[in-house]
Amino acid sequence: MASAYETYFASLAGKRVALLGFGVSNRPLLPLLCRAGAVVSIRDSKTDLKLQEDSFDWREYNIQFHLGETHMENMDEESIIRSPGLLPTLPALRKAAANGSIITSEMELFFALCPCKVIGITGSNGKTTTSALVSKILETAGHSVYLGGNIGTPLLPVIPKMTEDSIAVVELSSFQLMDMGKSPSVAVVTNVAPNHLDKHTDMDEYVTAKEAIFAFQRSSDLLVANFDNDYTRSFLQKAKGRTLAFSDQAEPTKGIYAKDGVIYRNGTPVLEEKDMILPGRHNVQNMMAAIGATVGLAEPEHIQKVAKTFGGVEHRMEFVREYNGVSYYNSSIDSSPSRTVAALSCFTRPVVLLAGGYDKHIPFEPMAESVIKTVRHLILTGHTAEKIENAVVSHPKYRPGYPEISHAENLEQAVQLAAKTARAGEAVLLSPACASFDAFANFEERGKAFKEAVRRLS
């Protein structure tokens, strides 16, 4: 009997299918669609897609290209697979849907066709680290695990390798959740704070998108959510299935909590915080979320082994090098003020902070007190430099020169200035509190540029 995956792709033979956006999630779908016999069109704002770099020989197929500023004009394909960053609320997509096109996404298709248990993880901060922790814990416990989603690996092409006994661990952004009609059997929400307000209509739309991770759960499904966050605490009340809370401040009767340096699960000690090599209170919360997600799937010894060996994910509080007695850290993933607050909380020594970038229309006032408390020298770049400076200097606890504030033309110059002014024993931290799009393609490119600049110091 054909699987749901095989049946779906067989149904595309002769159908017109558009890949709207040709990035990380959609690019791997091109060979699947072409080999299924679909009539494929690629629609992207870029004019050079670098298709020659792909191993798949696309020239064998009659692919239609709609590139540049007009790439969304006259969309009349029977099925349109959108990239996560192109929201279903876009007028062009609404018009196409009204005219009969089916609007979907790689992630929505994955949920519809996946043959195994899915653990979905979302949140404004911490979802990538939590996803990686869950995956490592499950692998240590002997499970066959597939990690992907927003973390960078599309999972739809991998479905043929999965069995009913596999477990898919999927990081989900608000953009991926917006048009979902199915929720994972285990949903994890690390926290919710203002983010992506340059794309979402308002905070309500952003929160509603996050709620989709549990909105379609069954009574037997599980929601794991942060009890210390106002938004996610309310999610626990709205859940249709079972719930587990995790908390760094309270002791939920049914859940995971930290007390006196020990993490407990349903009242039983599971892990001593001193055994974790991941730094910071936010990573204690990430570990608690991962412990909740793996209830019934892993034992304390599996959690303890991962805690002692897992050092984190690239671009997330990543140690780069020590130079002239100063430690350099790359946390380029920190694209919101709340992430920068979490990063700064890891330090007890003075910090030279490199911040600024693309404006997502998020207020910077919430991070001002942490900057004043921890940062000795604030070096700003990008479109938001003035906004961040204004948020800091207007805070009641700010005193002129504390912190010292400088501006740099670009990241390279910011690193050079940091190296000149940082003192032995201090830390230089890239934690931008902003997206990267004013100067880089993504946070990974920004983080790599920072590391290269730091390694060139001599």
Foldseek 3Di string as FASTA:
>chain_A
DDAPLVVVLLVQAAFEEEEEACDLQRVVCVVSNVVSNHAYEYFEQDPCPPPVPDPDPCVVHNYHYQYHPCRLPPPAGQEYAYDLLPACPPPSNVVNVVVRHHYHHLLQVCVVRALEAEEEEEEPPLRLQLLVLLQQLLVLLPAAEAEEEPNRHRCSVVRVVDDHRHYYYYYYALSNQLPHPAAGLEYEYLEYDDDLLLRDVDSVSSLVSNLSNQPHYAQAGEYEYECVYPSRVVSCVVGRYHYAYEYAPDDDCQHWYDDPQFIDHNRHTQDGNVLALEFFPSVVSSLRRSVVRCVVSGGSVSSSVCRNPPHGDPQCQDWQDADQQETEGGNLVQAALVSVLRSLRRDPAEEEEEAEADDSPHQNLVNQVSCLVHYQEYEYEYDCLVRNVVSNCPDPPDDPVSRHYYYDHDLLRSLVVCVVPDDRPYYYYYNHNRFHVRPDPGSVRVRVVNSVSNVPDD
